[in-house]
Amino acid sequence: MIKKGYDLTPEAISVKAAKASRDIASDYKYKEGYRK
């Protein structure tokens, strides 16, 4: 499996879940409404 390589698309469920978790924990996103 290492010899074949690993292809992860941006639309994968794991990638989307990681992005959503990062946005929730992001202080920038948390204070975005206040700055507006």
PDB file of all heavy atoms in Angstrom:
ATOM      1  N   MET A   1       0.825  -1.200   0.000  1.00  0.00           N
ATOM      2  CA  MET A   1       0.000   0.000   0.000  1.00  0.00           C
ATOM      3  C   MET A   1       0.866   1.259   0.000  1.00  0.00           C
ATOM      4  O   MET A   1       0.527   2.271  -0.620  1.00  0.00           O
ATOM      5  CB  MET A   1      -0.926  -0.006   1.224  1.00  0.00           C
ATOM      6  CG  MET A   1      -1.953   1.128   1.231  1.00  0.00           C
ATOM      7  SD  MET A   1      -3.210   0.918   2.499  1.00  0.00           S
ATOM      8  CE  MET A   1      -2.206   0.724   3.956  1.00  0.00           C
ATOM      9  N   ILE A   2       2.034   1.196   0.637  1.00  0.00           N
ATOM     10  CA  ILE A   2       2.954   2.336   0.616  1.00  0.00           C
ATOM     11  C   ILE A   2       3.509   2.544  -0.785  1.00  0.00           C
ATOM     12  O   ILE A   2       3.674   3.688  -1.255  1.00  0.00           O
ATOM     13  CB  ILE A   2       4.079   2.119   1.653  1.00  0.00           C
ATOM     14  CG1 ILE A   2       3.510   2.185   3.074  1.00  0.00           C
ATOM     15  CG2 ILE A   2       5.195   3.128   1.489  1.00  0.00           C
ATOM     16  CD1 ILE A   2       4.520   1.867   4.141  1.00  0.00           C
ATOM     17  N   LYS A   3       3.808   1.457  -1.448  1.00  0.00           N
ATOM     18  CA  LYS A   3       4.334   1.565  -2.819  1.00  0.00           C
ATOM     19  C   LYS A   3       3.314   2.182  -3.773  1.00  0.00           C
ATOM     20  O   LYS A   3       3.674   2.931  -4.674  1.00  0.00           O
ATOM     21  CB  LYS A   3       4.746   0.184  -3.333  1.00  0.00           C
ATOM     22  CG  LYS A   3       5.957  -0.397  -2.614  1.00  0.00           C
ATOM     23  CD  LYS A   3       6.272  -1.801  -3.126  1.00  0.00           C
ATOM     24  CE  LYS A   3       7.449  -2.420  -2.372  1.00  0.00           C
ATOM     25  NZ  LYS A   3       7.746  -3.789  -2.820  1.00  0.00           N
ATOM     26  N   LYS A   4       2.006   1.881  -3.555  1.00  0.00           N
ATOM     27  CA  LYS A   4       0.984   2.452  -4.430  1.00  0.00           C
ATOM     28  C   LYS A   4       0.777   3.940  -4.180  1.00  0.00           C
ATOM     29  O   LYS A   4       0.327   4.668  -5.055  1.00  0.00           O
ATOM     30  CB  LYS A   4      -0.335   1.715  -4.215  1.00  0.00           C
ATOM     31  CG  LYS A   4      -0.317   0.275  -4.713  1.00  0.00           C
ATOM     32  CD  LYS A   4      -1.666  -0.392  -4.455  1.00  0.00           C
ATOM     33  CE  LYS A   4      -1.661  -1.836  -4.929  1.00  0.00           C
ATOM     34  NZ  LYS A   4      -2.947  -2.504  -4.673  1.00  0.00           N
ATOM     35  N   GLY A   5       1.042   4.443  -2.936  1.00  0.00           N
ATOM     36  CA  GLY A   5       0.815   5.850  -2.613  1.00  0.00           C
ATOM     37  C   GLY A   5      -0.580   6.045  -2.011  1.00  0.00           C
ATOM     38  O   GLY A   5      -1.398   5.125  -1.943  1.00  0.00           O
ATOM     39  N   TYR A   6      -0.843   7.279  -1.560  1.00  0.00           N
ATOM     40  CA  TYR A   6      -2.111   7.590  -0.890  1.00  0.00           C
ATOM     41  C   TYR A   6      -2.672   8.870  -1.503  1.00  0.00           C
ATOM     42  O   TYR A   6      -2.007   9.910  -1.514  1.00  0.00           O
ATOM     43  CB  TYR A   6      -1.875   7.790   0.614  1.00  0.00           C
ATOM     44  CG  TYR A   6      -3.147   8.035   1.389  1.00  0.00           C
ATOM     45  CD1 TYR A   6      -4.054   7.005   1.594  1.00  0.00           C
ATOM     46  CD2 TYR A   6      -3.445   9.296   1.873  1.00  0.00           C
ATOM     47  CE1 TYR A   6      -5.222   7.222   2.306  1.00  0.00           C
ATOM     48  CE2 TYR A   6      -4.611   9.527   2.579  1.00  0.00           C
ATOM     49  CZ  TYR A   6      -5.500   8.478   2.800  1.00  0.00           C
ATOM     50  OH  TYR A   6      -6.653   8.702   3.489  1.00  0.00           O
ATOM     51  N   ASP A   7      -3.889   8.806  -2.018  1.00  0.00           N
ATOM     52  CA  ASP A   7      -4.536   9.938  -2.693  1.00  0.00           C
ATOM     53  C   ASP A   7      -5.747  10.357  -1.855  1.00  0.00           C
ATOM     54  O   ASP A   7      -6.701   9.577  -1.687  1.00  0.00           O
ATOM     55  CB  ASP A   7      -4.959   9.529  -4.108  1.00  0.00           C
ATOM     56  CG  ASP A   7      -5.527  10.714  -4.881  1.00  0.00           C
ATOM     57  OD1 ASP A   7      -5.289  11.864  -4.428  1.00  0.00           O
ATOM     58  OD2 ASP A   7      -6.208  10.489  -5.892  1.00  0.00           O
ATOM     59  N   LEU A   8      -5.717  11.586  -1.283  1.00  0.00           N
ATOM     60  CA  LEU A   8      -6.795  12.099  -0.438  1.00  0.00           C
ATOM     61  C   LEU A   8      -7.387  13.333  -1.126  1.00  0.00           C
ATOM     62  O   LEU A   8      -6.723  14.363  -1.270  1.00  0.00           O
ATOM     63  CB  LEU A   8      -6.265  12.476   0.942  1.00  0.00           C
ATOM     64  CG  LEU A   8      -7.316  12.933   1.957  1.00  0.00           C
ATOM     65  CD1 LEU A   8      -8.299  11.789   2.257  1.00  0.00           C
ATOM     66  CD2 LEU A   8      -6.643  13.392   3.246  1.00  0.00           C
ATOM     67  N   THR A   9      -8.651  13.253  -1.512  1.00  0.00           N
ATOM     68  CA  THR A   9      -9.309  14.362  -2.201  1.00  0.00           C
ATOM     69  C   THR A   9      -9.800  15.397  -1.196  1.00  0.00           C
ATOM     70  O   THR A   9     -10.083  15.069  -0.037  1.00  0.00           O
ATOM     71  CB  THR A   9     -10.494  13.823  -3.023  1.00  0.00           C
ATOM     72  OG1 THR A   9     -11.404  13.171  -2.141  1.00  0.00           O
ATOM     73  CG2 THR A   9     -10.013  12.809  -4.063  1.00  0.00           C
ATOM     74  N   PRO A  10      -9.930  16.661  -1.575  1.00  0.00           N
ATOM     75  CA  PRO A  10     -10.425  17.697  -0.643  1.00  0.00           C
ATOM     76  C   PRO A  10     -11.867  17.482  -0.237  1.00  0.00           C
ATOM     77  O   PRO A  10     -12.310  18.016   0.783  1.00  0.00           O
ATOM     78  CB  PRO A  10     -10.275  18.993  -1.451  1.00  0.00           C
ATOM     79  CG  PRO A  10      -9.280  18.694  -2.516  1.00  0.00           C
ATOM     80  CD  PRO A  10      -9.452  17.241  -2.850  1.00  0.00           C
ATOM     81  N   GLU A  11     -12.629  16.717  -1.009  1.00  0.00           N
ATOM     82  CA  GLU A  11     -14.026  16.476  -0.671  1.00  0.00           C
ATOM     83  C   GLU A  11     -14.211  15.278   0.249  1.00  0.00           C
ATOM     84  O   GLU A  11     -15.364  14.855   0.510  1.00  0.00           O
ATOM     85  CB  GLU A  11     -14.850  16.266  -1.952  1.00  0.00           C
ATOM     86  CG  GLU A  11     -15.006  17.481  -2.832  1.00  0.00           C
ATOM     87  CD  GLU A  11     -13.767  17.734  -3.694  1.00  0.00           C
ATOM     88  OE1 GLU A  11     -12.886  16.831  -3.719  1.00  0.00           O
ATOM     89  OE2 GLU A  11     -13.687  18.803  -4.314  1.00  0.00           O
ATOM     90  N   ALA A  12     -13.142  14.717   0.738  1.00  0.00           N
ATOM     91  CA  ALA A  12     -13.261  13.560   1.619  1.00  0.00           C
ATOM     92  C   ALA A  12     -13.916  13.977   2.941  1.00  0.00           C
ATOM     93  O   ALA A  12     -13.803  15.124   3.394  1.00  0.00           O
ATOM     94  CB  ALA A  12     -11.889  12.935   1.875  1.00  0.00           C
ATOM     95  N   ILE A  13     -14.627  13.033   3.546  1.00  0.00           N
ATOM     96  CA  ILE A  13     -15.358  13.326   4.797  1.00  0.00           C
ATOM     97  C   ILE A  13     -14.389  13.689   5.913  1.00  0.00           C
ATOM     98  O   ILE A  13     -14.637  14.611   6.703  1.00  0.00           O
ATOM     99  CB  ILE A  13     -16.238  12.125   5.172  1.00  0.00           C
ATOM    100  CG1 ILE A  13     -17.276  11.860   4.070  1.00  0.00           C
ATOM    101  CG2 ILE A  13     -16.914  12.347   6.522  1.00  0.00           C
ATOM    102  CD1 ILE A  13     -18.124  10.635   4.323  1.00  0.00           C
ATOM    103  N   SER A  14     -13.285  12.987   5.979  1.00  0.00           N
ATOM    104  CA  SER A  14     -12.328  13.261   7.052  1.00  0.00           C
ATOM    105  C   SER A  14     -11.722  14.652   6.918  1.00  0.00           C
ATOM    106  O   SER A  14     -11.497  15.349   7.923  1.00  0.00           O
ATOM    107  CB  SER A  14     -11.230  12.197   7.047  1.00  0.00           C
ATOM    108  OG  SER A  14     -10.582  12.166   5.786  1.00  0.00           O
ATOM    109  N   VAL A  15     -11.494  15.081   5.686  1.00  0.00           N
ATOM    110  CA  VAL A  15     -10.921  16.411   5.459  1.00  0.00           C
ATOM    111  C   VAL A  15     -11.934  17.494   5.841  1.00  0.00           C
ATOM    112  O   VAL A  15     -11.594  18.502   6.479  1.00  0.00           O
ATOM    113  CB  VAL A  15     -10.486  16.550   3.989  1.00  0.00           C
ATOM    114  CG1 VAL A  15      -9.994  17.982   3.708  1.00  0.00           C
ATOM    115  CG2 VAL A  15      -9.384  15.561   3.660  1.00  0.00           C
ATOM    116  N   LYS A  16     -13.187  17.303   5.446  1.00  0.00           N
ATOM    117  CA  LYS A  16     -14.217  18.275   5.795  1.00  0.00           C
ATOM    118  C   LYS A  16     -14.428  18.344   7.315  1.00  0.00           C
ATOM    119  O   LYS A  16     -14.609  19.431   7.877  1.00  0.00           O
ATOM    120  CB  LYS A  16     -15.531  17.904   5.097  1.00  0.00           C
ATOM    121  CG  LYS A  16     -15.482  18.100   3.586  1.00  0.00           C
ATOM    122  CD  LYS A  16     -16.833  17.818   2.967  1.00  0.00           C
ATOM    123  CE  LYS A  16     -16.815  18.063   1.465  1.00  0.00           C
ATOM    124  NZ  LYS A  16     -18.131  17.812   0.837  1.00  0.00           N
ATOM    125  N   ALA A  17     -14.394  17.199   7.999  1.00  0.00           N
ATOM    126  CA  ALA A  17     -14.550  17.189   9.456  1.00  0.00           C
ATOM    127  C   ALA A  17     -13.394  17.906  10.135  1.00  0.00           C
ATOM    128  O   ALA A  17     -13.581  18.664  11.107  1.00  0.00           O
ATOM    129  CB  ALA A  17     -14.653  15.753   9.963  1.00  0.00           C
ATOM    130  N   ALA A  18     -12.189  17.732   9.619  1.00  0.00           N
ATOM    131  CA  ALA A  18     -11.030  18.409  10.197  1.00  0.00           C
ATOM    132  C   ALA A  18     -11.129  19.925   9.998  1.00  0.00           C
ATOM    133  O   ALA A  18     -10.805  20.710  10.903  1.00  0.00           O
ATOM    134  CB  ALA A  18      -9.746  17.871   9.560  1.00  0.00           C
ATOM    135  N   LYS A  19     -11.606  20.350   8.811  1.00  0.00           N
ATOM    136  CA  LYS A  19     -11.765  21.787   8.568  1.00  0.00           C
ATOM    137  C   LYS A  19     -12.827  22.391   9.486  1.00  0.00           C
ATOM    138  O   LYS A  19     -12.649  23.499  10.015  1.00  0.00           O
ATOM    139  CB  LYS A  19     -12.140  22.019   7.095  1.00  0.00           C
ATOM    140  CG  LYS A  19     -10.993  21.814   6.118  1.00  0.00           C
ATOM    141  CD  LYS A  19     -11.436  22.115   4.694  1.00  0.00           C
ATOM    142  CE  LYS A  19     -10.286  21.951   3.711  1.00  0.00           C
ATOM    143  NZ  LYS A  19     -10.706  22.267   2.314  1.00  0.00           N
ATOM    144  N   ALA A  20     -13.942  21.674   9.663  1.00  0.00           N
ATOM    145  CA  ALA A  20     -14.999  22.178  10.533  1.00  0.00           C
ATOM    146  C   ALA A  20     -14.520  22.288  11.991  1.00  0.00           C
ATOM    147  O   ALA A  20     -14.794  23.276  12.686  1.00  0.00           O
ATOM    148  CB  ALA A  20     -16.223  21.268  10.451  1.00  0.00           C
ATOM    149  N   SER A  21     -13.783  21.321  12.460  1.00  0.00           N
ATOM    150  CA  SER A  21     -13.233  21.374  13.819  1.00  0.00           C
ATOM    151  C   SER A  21     -12.260  22.531  13.972  1.00  0.00           C
ATOM    152  O   SER A  21     -12.218  23.199  15.014  1.00  0.00           O
ATOM    153  CB  SER A  21     -12.538  20.053  14.152  1.00  0.00           C
ATOM    154  OG  SER A  21     -13.446  18.972  14.069  1.00  0.00           O
ATOM    155  N   ARG A  22     -11.471  22.775  12.938  1.00  0.00           N
ATOM    156  CA  ARG A  22     -10.512  23.891  13.006  1.00  0.00           C
ATOM    157  C   ARG A  22     -11.242  25.223  13.059  1.00  0.00           C
ATOM    158  O   ARG A  22     -10.839  26.132  13.808  1.00  0.00           O
ATOM    159  CB  ARG A  22      -9.595  23.843  11.786  1.00  0.00           C
ATOM    160  CG  ARG A  22      -8.510  24.918  11.779  1.00  0.00           C
ATOM    161  CD  ARG A  22      -7.846  24.969  10.431  1.00  0.00           C
ATOM    162  NE  ARG A  22      -8.822  25.334   9.414  1.00  0.00           N
ATOM    163  CZ  ARG A  22      -8.557  25.311   8.093  1.00  0.00           C
ATOM    164  NH1 ARG A  22      -7.371  24.920   7.654  1.00  0.00           N
ATOM    165  NH2 ARG A  22      -9.482  25.664   7.226  1.00  0.00           N
ATOM    166  N   ASP A  23     -12.332  25.362  12.275  1.00  0.00           N
ATOM    167  CA  ASP A  23     -13.084  26.624  12.303  1.00  0.00           C
ATOM    168  C   ASP A  23     -13.752  26.859  13.660  1.00  0.00           C
ATOM    169  O   ASP A  23     -13.847  27.992  14.136  1.00  0.00           O
ATOM    170  CB  ASP A  23     -14.150  26.616  11.197  1.00  0.00           C
ATOM    171  CG  ASP A  23     -13.521  26.613   9.805  1.00  0.00           C
ATOM    172  OD1 ASP A  23     -12.338  27.023   9.701  1.00  0.00           O
ATOM    173  OD2 ASP A  23     -14.195  26.201   8.844  1.00  0.00           O
ATOM    174  N   ILE A  24     -14.237  25.774  14.266  1.00  0.00           N
ATOM    175  CA  ILE A  24     -14.867  25.915  15.578  1.00  0.00           C
ATOM    176  C   ILE A  24     -13.853  26.353  16.631  1.00  0.00           C
ATOM    177  O   ILE A  24     -14.124  27.207  17.470  1.00  0.00           O
ATOM    178  CB  ILE A  24     -15.540  24.584  15.975  1.00  0.00           C
ATOM    179  CG1 ILE A  24     -16.734  24.305  15.056  1.00  0.00           C
ATOM    180  CG2 ILE A  24     -15.995  24.603  17.436  1.00  0.00           C
ATOM    181  CD1 ILE A  24     -17.334  22.933  15.233  1.00  0.00           C
ATOM    182  N   ALA A  25     -12.675  25.775  16.572  1.00  0.00           N
ATOM    183  CA  ALA A  25     -11.641  26.106  17.557  1.00  0.00           C
ATOM    184  C   ALA A  25     -10.871  27.368  17.206  1.00  0.00           C
ATOM    185  O   ALA A  25     -10.066  27.849  18.003  1.00  0.00           O
ATOM    186  CB  ALA A  25     -10.663  24.936  17.687  1.00  0.00           C
ATOM    187  N   SER A  26     -11.128  27.939  16.065  1.00  0.00           N
ATOM    188  CA  SER A  26     -10.358  29.112  15.636  1.00  0.00           C
ATOM    189  C   SER A  26     -10.821  30.362  16.383  1.00  0.00           C
ATOM    190  O   SER A  26     -12.006  30.674  16.446  1.00  0.00           O
ATOM    191  CB  SER A  26     -10.514  29.314  14.132  1.00  0.00           C
ATOM    192  OG  SER A  26      -9.872  30.510  13.727  1.00  0.00           O
ATOM    193  N   ASP A  27      -9.885  31.117  16.963  1.00  0.00           N
ATOM    194  CA  ASP A  27     -10.211  32.356  17.661  1.00  0.00           C
ATOM    195  C   ASP A  27     -10.595  33.449  16.660  1.00  0.00           C
ATOM    196  O   ASP A  27     -11.386  34.347  16.984  1.00  0.00           O
ATOM    197  CB  ASP A  27      -8.990  32.790  18.492  1.00  0.00           C
ATOM    198  CG  ASP A  27      -9.309  33.971  19.394  1.00  0.00           C
ATOM    199  OD1 ASP A  27     -10.108  33.790  20.336  1.00  0.00           O
ATOM    200  OD2 ASP A  27      -8.758  35.066  19.149  1.00  0.00           O
ATOM    201  N   TYR A  28     -10.070  33.361  15.506  1.00  0.00           N
ATOM    202  CA  TYR A  28     -10.394  34.355  14.470  1.00  0.00           C
ATOM    203  C   TYR A  28     -11.867  34.250  14.079  1.00  0.00           C
ATOM    204  O   TYR A  28     -12.578  35.261  13.992  1.00  0.00           O
ATOM    205  CB  TYR A  28      -9.489  34.139  13.259  1.00  0.00           C
ATOM    206  CG  TYR A  28      -9.785  35.083  12.102  1.00  0.00           C
ATOM    207  CD1 TYR A  28      -9.319  36.401  12.105  1.00  0.00           C
ATOM    208  CD2 TYR A  28     -10.548  34.642  11.014  1.00  0.00           C
ATOM    209  CE1 TYR A  28      -9.608  37.255  11.052  1.00  0.00           C
ATOM    210  CE2 TYR A  28     -10.833  35.494   9.955  1.00  0.00           C
ATOM    211  CZ  TYR A  28     -10.354  36.801   9.984  1.00  0.00           C
ATOM    212  OH  TYR A  28     -10.637  37.639   8.946  1.00  0.00           O
ATOM    213  N   LYS A  29     -12.345  33.021  13.858  1.00  0.00           N
ATOM    214  CA  LYS A  29     -13.742  32.831  13.516  1.00  0.00           C
ATOM    215  C   LYS A  29     -14.653  33.196  14.697  1.00  0.00           C
ATOM    216  O   LYS A  29     -15.759  33.681  14.507  1.00  0.00           O
ATOM    217  CB  LYS A  29     -13.973  31.362  13.123  1.00  0.00           C
ATOM    218  CG  LYS A  29     -13.330  30.961  11.803  1.00  0.00           C
ATOM    219  CD  LYS A  29     -14.097  31.539  10.633  1.00  0.00           C
ATOM    220  CE  LYS A  29     -13.546  31.031   9.303  1.00  0.00           C
ATOM    221  NZ  LYS A  29     -14.276  31.619   8.165  1.00  0.00           N
ATOM    222  N   TYR A  30     -14.138  32.977  15.905  1.00  0.00           N
ATOM    223  CA  TYR A  30     -14.938  33.255  17.091  1.00  0.00           C
ATOM    224  C   TYR A  30     -15.199  34.759  17.229  1.00  0.00           C
ATOM    225  O   TYR A  30     -16.283  35.191  17.636  1.00  0.00           O
ATOM    226  CB  TYR A  30     -14.200  32.723  18.329  1.00  0.00           C
ATOM    227  CG  TYR A  30     -14.905  32.989  19.626  1.00  0.00           C
ATOM    228  CD1 TYR A  30     -16.071  32.302  19.967  1.00  0.00           C
ATOM    229  CD2 TYR A  30     -14.419  33.942  20.508  1.00  0.00           C
ATOM    230  CE1 TYR A  30     -16.725  32.553  21.145  1.00  0.00           C
ATOM    231  CE2 TYR A  30     -15.073  34.209  21.699  1.00  0.00           C
ATOM    232  CZ  TYR A  30     -16.222  33.512  22.018  1.00  0.00           C
ATOM    233  OH  TYR A  30     -16.870  33.775  23.201  1.00  0.00           O
ATOM    234  N   LYS A  31     -14.212  35.590  16.865  1.00  0.00           N
ATOM    235  CA  LYS A  31     -14.323  37.045  17.009  1.00  0.00           C
ATOM    236  C   LYS A  31     -14.694  37.745  15.704  1.00  0.00           C
ATOM    237  O   LYS A  31     -14.632  38.975  15.632  1.00  0.00           O
ATOM    238  CB  LYS A  31     -13.017  37.618  17.534  1.00  0.00           C
ATOM    239  CG  LYS A  31     -12.652  37.132  18.921  1.00  0.00           C
ATOM    240  CD  LYS A  31     -11.366  37.756  19.401  1.00  0.00           C
ATOM    241  CE  LYS A  31     -11.018  37.287  20.811  1.00  0.00           C
ATOM    242  NZ  LYS A  31      -9.757  37.866  21.300  1.00  0.00           N
ATOM    243  N   GLU A  32     -15.055  36.976  14.696  1.00  0.00           N
ATOM    244  CA  GLU A  32     -15.359  37.580  13.396  1.00  0.00           C
ATOM    245  C   GLU A  32     -16.623  38.442  13.469  1.00  0.00           C
ATOM    246  O   GLU A  32     -16.679  39.558  12.966  1.00  0.00           O
ATOM    247  CB  GLU A  32     -15.525  36.479  12.355  1.00  0.00           C
ATOM    248  CG  GLU A  32     -15.746  37.016  10.944  1.00  0.00           C
ATOM    249  CD  GLU A  32     -15.834  35.898   9.915  1.00  0.00           C
ATOM    250  OE1 GLU A  32     -15.761  34.711  10.325  1.00  0.00           O
ATOM    251  OE2 GLU A  32     -15.980  36.211   8.725  1.00  0.00           O
ATOM    252  N   GLY A  33     -17.665  37.930  14.128  1.00  0.00           N
ATOM    253  CA  GLY A  33     -18.904  38.700  14.254  1.00  0.00           C
ATOM    254  C   GLY A  33     -18.694  39.970  15.068  1.00  0.00           C
ATOM    255  O   GLY A  33     -19.284  41.019  14.769  1.00  0.00           O
ATOM    256  N   TYR A  34     -17.848  39.902  16.103  1.00  0.00           N
ATOM    257  CA  TYR A  34     -17.583  41.087  16.928  1.00  0.00           C
ATOM    258  C   TYR A  34     -16.857  42.169  16.108  1.00  0.00           C
ATOM    259  O   TYR A  34     -17.170  43.357  16.227  1.00  0.00           O
ATOM    260  CB  TYR A  34     -16.754  40.680  18.143  1.00  0.00           C
ATOM    261  CG  TYR A  34     -16.211  41.836  18.933  1.00  0.00           C
ATOM    262  CD1 TYR A  34     -17.052  42.633  19.705  1.00  0.00           C
ATOM    263  CD2 TYR A  34     -14.856  42.141  18.890  1.00  0.00           C
ATOM    264  CE1 TYR A  34     -16.559  43.697  20.422  1.00  0.00           C
ATOM    265  CE2 TYR A  34     -14.348  43.207  19.603  1.00  0.00           C
ATOM    266  CZ  TYR A  34     -15.200  43.983  20.366  1.00  0.00           C
ATOM    267  OH  TYR A  34     -14.705  45.039  21.078  1.00  0.00           O
ATOM    268  N   ARG A  35     -15.923  41.742  15.272  1.00  0.00           N
ATOM    269  CA  ARG A  35     -15.187  42.726  14.452  1.00  0.00           C
ATOM    270  C   ARG A  35     -16.083  43.362  13.394  1.00  0.00           C
ATOM    271  O   ARG A  35     -15.912  44.533  13.042  1.00  0.00           O
ATOM    272  CB  ARG A  35     -13.996  42.033  13.795  1.00  0.00           C
ATOM    273  CG  ARG A  35     -12.836  41.776  14.748  1.00  0.00           C
ATOM    274  CD  ARG A  35     -11.584  41.405  13.973  1.00  0.00           C
ATOM    275  NE  ARG A  35     -11.769  40.123  13.300  1.00  0.00           N
ATOM    276  CZ  ARG A  35     -11.463  38.952  13.841  1.00  0.00           C
ATOM    277  NH1 ARG A  35     -10.983  38.900  15.066  1.00  0.00           N
ATOM    278  NH2 ARG A  35     -11.652  37.831  13.172  1.00  0.00           N
ATOM    279  N   LYS A  36     -17.068  42.602  12.937  1.00  0.00           N
ATOM    280  CA  LYS A  36     -17.988  43.177  11.955  1.00  0.00           C
ATOM    281  C   LYS A  36     -18.871  44.256  12.587  1.00  0.00           C
ATOM    282  O   LYS A  36     -19.247  45.218  11.903  1.00  0.00           O
ATOM    283  CB  LYS A  36     -18.863  42.088  11.351  1.00  0.00           C
ATOM    284  CG  LYS A  36     -18.111  41.163  10.394  1.00  0.00           C
ATOM    285  CD  LYS A  36     -19.048  40.121   9.817  1.00  0.00           C
ATOM    286  CE  LYS A  36     -18.314  39.212   8.832  1.00  0.00           C
ATOM    287  NZ  LYS A  36     -19.217  38.179   8.255  1.00  0.00           N
TER     288      LYS A  36
END
